[in-house]
Amino acid sequence: LAKWLIDYNTKIPHSSLNFKSPVQYLLENHYECHMYWTYTNY
């Protein structure tokens, strides 16, 4: 399963991403994460 997940996210092209792998798509489009750190020290 782990090998399939790695291939799926790094090598296999997806039609919804203009036939690019998810990693390739992210690298080419320079998306930044807009999530902030959460603090749970209450």
Protein backbone atom coordinates (compact mmCIF):
# COMPACT_ATOMS: atom_id res chain seq x y z
CA LEU A 1 0.00 0.00 0.00
CA ALA A 2 2.79 2.44 0.85
CA LYS A 3 4.45 1.95 -2.55
CA TRP A 4 1.14 2.59 -4.31
CA LEU A 5 0.56 5.81 -2.32
CA ILE A 6 4.03 7.07 -3.18
CA ASP A 7 3.53 6.28 -6.87
CA TYR A 8 0.04 7.78 -6.85
CA ASN A 9 1.23 11.08 -5.41
CA THR A 10 4.60 11.41 -7.15
CA LYS A 11 4.53 9.57 -10.48
CA ILE A 12 1.02 8.86 -11.74
CA PRO A 13 -0.50 11.74 -13.76
CA HIS A 14 -4.01 12.86 -12.84
CA SER A 15 -6.44 14.18 -15.44
CA SER A 16 -7.82 16.75 -12.97
CA LEU A 17 -4.30 18.21 -12.63
CA ASN A 18 -3.74 18.62 -16.35
CA PHE A 19 -2.11 15.17 -16.51
CA LYS A 20 0.57 15.95 -13.95
CA SER A 21 1.37 14.17 -10.72
CA PRO A 22 0.20 15.95 -7.56
CA VAL A 23 3.79 16.71 -6.54
CA GLN A 24 4.68 18.04 -9.99
CA TYR A 25 1.54 20.20 -9.99
CA LEU A 26 2.34 21.68 -6.58
CA LEU A 27 5.95 22.39 -7.50
CA GLU A 28 4.99 24.13 -10.74
CA ASN A 29 2.23 26.24 -9.20
CA HIS A 30 4.04 27.28 -6.00
CA TYR A 31 1.08 26.87 -3.71
CA GLU A 32 1.62 28.01 -0.16
CA CYS A 33 -0.10 26.55 2.84
CA HIS A 34 -2.44 29.04 4.48
CA MET A 35 -2.92 27.02 7.64
CA TYR A 36 -1.58 28.36 10.89
CA TRP A 37 0.05 26.54 13.77
CA THR A 38 -2.35 25.63 16.51
CA TYR A 39 -1.49 25.81 20.17
CA THR A 40 -3.09 23.40 22.58
CA ASN A 41 -1.45 24.55 25.80
CA TYR A 42 -4.50 25.60 27.77
